[in-house]
Amino acid sequence: MATKSEVINLIKQKIVDSEVYVENLKGDDHLQVTVISSEFNGLSLVKQHQLVYSALKEELASEAIHALALKTETPN
């Protein structure tokens, strides 16, 4: 299982200017993650999500994160 702080740190390493919010949905391996970043400007939703997934690639592959509900947005 990946802790909330580990998930936040991994995403912030990949998307430096991001604000990251993590909630446990069911157990510690089912997560709701919201990422806000200006790096998402001009990217499709699919590309935004791929960027976040790439930051969590090992955790998803090892099932440290079993389920991920992801929301991405740009700052206001």
C-alpha atoms as a PDB file:
ATOM      1  CA  MET A   1       0.000   0.000   0.000  1.00  0.00           C
ATOM      2  CA  ALA A   2       1.136   3.513  -0.758  1.00  0.00           C
ATOM      3  CA  THR A   3       0.549   6.168   1.881  1.00  0.00           C
ATOM      4  CA  LYS A   4      -1.121   9.469   1.087  1.00  0.00           C
ATOM      5  CA  SER A   5       2.176  11.308   1.563  1.00  0.00           C
ATOM      6  CA  GLU A   6       4.008   8.879  -0.762  1.00  0.00           C
ATOM      7  CA  VAL A   7       1.404   9.410  -3.484  1.00  0.00           C
ATOM      8  CA  ILE A   8       1.597  13.187  -3.074  1.00  0.00           C
ATOM      9  CA  ASN A   9       5.421  13.143  -3.190  1.00  0.00           C
ATOM     10  CA  LEU A  10       5.546  10.929  -6.290  1.00  0.00           C
ATOM     11  CA  ILE A  11       3.145  13.179  -8.183  1.00  0.00           C
ATOM     12  CA  LYS A  12       4.943  16.351  -7.071  1.00  0.00           C
ATOM     13  CA  GLN A  13       8.274  14.903  -8.265  1.00  0.00           C
ATOM     14  CA  LYS A  14       6.803  14.422 -11.755  1.00  0.00           C
ATOM     15  CA  ILE A  15       4.546  17.517 -11.835  1.00  0.00           C
ATOM     16  CA  VAL A  16       6.541  20.036  -9.815  1.00  0.00           C
ATOM     17  CA  ASP A  17       4.003  22.875  -9.583  1.00  0.00           C
ATOM     18  CA  SER A  18       1.068  20.629  -8.672  1.00  0.00           C
ATOM     19  CA  GLU A  19      -1.388  20.751  -5.802  1.00  0.00           C
ATOM     20  CA  VAL A  20      -2.311  17.189  -4.887  1.00  0.00           C
ATOM     21  CA  TYR A  21      -5.200  15.967  -2.731  1.00  0.00           C
ATOM     22  CA  VAL A  22      -5.594  12.297  -1.805  1.00  0.00           C
ATOM     23  CA  GLU A  23      -8.537  10.569  -0.135  1.00  0.00           C
ATOM     24  CA  ASN A  24      -8.946   6.903   0.785  1.00  0.00           C
ATOM     25  CA  LEU A  25     -12.117   5.512  -0.769  1.00  0.00           C
ATOM     26  CA  LYS A  26     -12.020   1.918   0.468  1.00  0.00           C
ATOM     27  CA  GLY A  27      -9.020   0.745   2.405  1.00  0.00           C
ATOM     28  CA  ASP A  28      -5.631   2.274   1.734  1.00  0.00           C
ATOM     29  CA  ASP A  29      -5.292   0.970  -1.828  1.00  0.00           C
ATOM     30  CA  HIS A  30      -8.442   2.568  -3.333  1.00  0.00           C
ATOM     31  CA  LEU A  31      -7.706   6.262  -3.768  1.00  0.00           C
ATOM     32  CA  GLN A  32      -9.386   9.426  -5.032  1.00  0.00           C
ATOM     33  CA  VAL A  33      -6.664  11.781  -6.267  1.00  0.00           C
ATOM     34  CA  THR A  34      -7.142  15.362  -7.433  1.00  0.00           C
ATOM     35  CA  VAL A  35      -4.214  17.083  -9.144  1.00  0.00           C
ATOM     36  CA  ILE A  36      -4.204  20.776 -10.050  1.00  0.00           C
ATOM     37  CA  SER A  37      -1.362  22.006 -12.242  1.00  0.00           C
ATOM     38  CA  SER A  38      -0.582  24.619 -14.872  1.00  0.00           C
ATOM     39  CA  GLU A  39       1.334  21.857 -16.709  1.00  0.00           C
ATOM     40  CA  PHE A  40      -2.092  20.587 -17.800  1.00  0.00           C
ATOM     41  CA  ASN A  41      -2.746  23.749 -19.847  1.00  0.00           C
ATOM     42  CA  GLY A  42      -3.334  22.763 -23.458  1.00  0.00           C
ATOM     43  CA  LEU A  43      -3.318  19.020 -22.725  1.00  0.00           C
ATOM     44  CA  SER A  44      -6.286  16.758 -23.355  1.00  0.00           C
ATOM     45  CA  LEU A  45      -7.840  15.032 -20.363  1.00  0.00           C
ATOM     46  CA  VAL A  46      -6.253  11.764 -21.514  1.00  0.00           C
ATOM     47  CA  LYS A  47      -2.773  13.358 -21.640  1.00  0.00           C
ATOM     48  CA  GLN A  48      -3.304  14.917 -18.201  1.00  0.00           C
ATOM     49  CA  HIS A  49      -4.209  11.552 -16.732  1.00  0.00           C
ATOM     50  CA  GLN A  50      -1.310   9.816 -18.484  1.00  0.00           C
ATOM     51  CA  LEU A  51       1.067  12.296 -16.871  1.00  0.00           C
ATOM     52  CA  VAL A  52      -0.269  11.436 -13.411  1.00  0.00           C
ATOM     53  CA  TYR A  53      -0.314   7.687 -14.146  1.00  0.00           C
ATOM     54  CA  SER A  54       3.339   7.882 -15.204  1.00  0.00           C
ATOM     55  CA  ALA A  55       4.207   9.289 -11.767  1.00  0.00           C
ATOM     56  CA  LEU A  56       2.467   6.345 -10.092  1.00  0.00           C
ATOM     57  CA  LYS A  57       3.478   3.654 -12.584  1.00  0.00           C
ATOM     58  CA  GLU A  58       5.308   1.379 -10.117  1.00  0.00           C
ATOM     59  CA  GLU A  59       2.647   1.674  -7.427  1.00  0.00           C
ATOM     60  CA  LEU A  60      -0.107   0.793  -9.910  1.00  0.00           C
ATOM     61  CA  ALA A  61       1.881  -2.112 -11.403  1.00  0.00           C
ATOM     62  CA  SER A  62       2.626  -3.610  -7.980  1.00  0.00           C
ATOM     63  CA  GLU A  63      -0.967  -2.966  -6.866  1.00  0.00           C
ATOM     64  CA  ALA A  64       0.214  -0.819  -3.951  1.00  0.00           C
ATOM     65  CA  ILE A  65      -2.559   1.282  -5.473  1.00  0.00           C
ATOM     66  CA  HIS A  66      -5.311  -1.089  -6.542  1.00  0.00           C
ATOM     67  CA  ALA A  67      -7.867   1.476  -7.734  1.00  0.00           C
ATOM     68  CA  LEU A  68      -7.397   5.120  -8.635  1.00  0.00           C
ATOM     69  CA  ALA A  69     -10.172   7.644  -9.213  1.00  0.00           C
ATOM     70  CA  LEU A  70      -8.424  10.594 -10.812  1.00  0.00           C
ATOM     71  CA  LYS A  71      -9.471  14.195 -11.331  1.00  0.00           C
ATOM     72  CA  THR A  72      -7.164  16.714 -13.016  1.00  0.00           C
ATOM     73  CA  GLU A  73      -7.618  20.432 -13.539  1.00  0.00           C
ATOM     74  CA  THR A  74      -5.750  23.634 -14.240  1.00  0.00           C
ATOM     75  CA  PRO A  75      -5.527  26.442 -11.685  1.00  0.00           C
ATOM     76  CA  ASN A  76      -8.124  29.226 -11.892  1.00  0.00           C
END
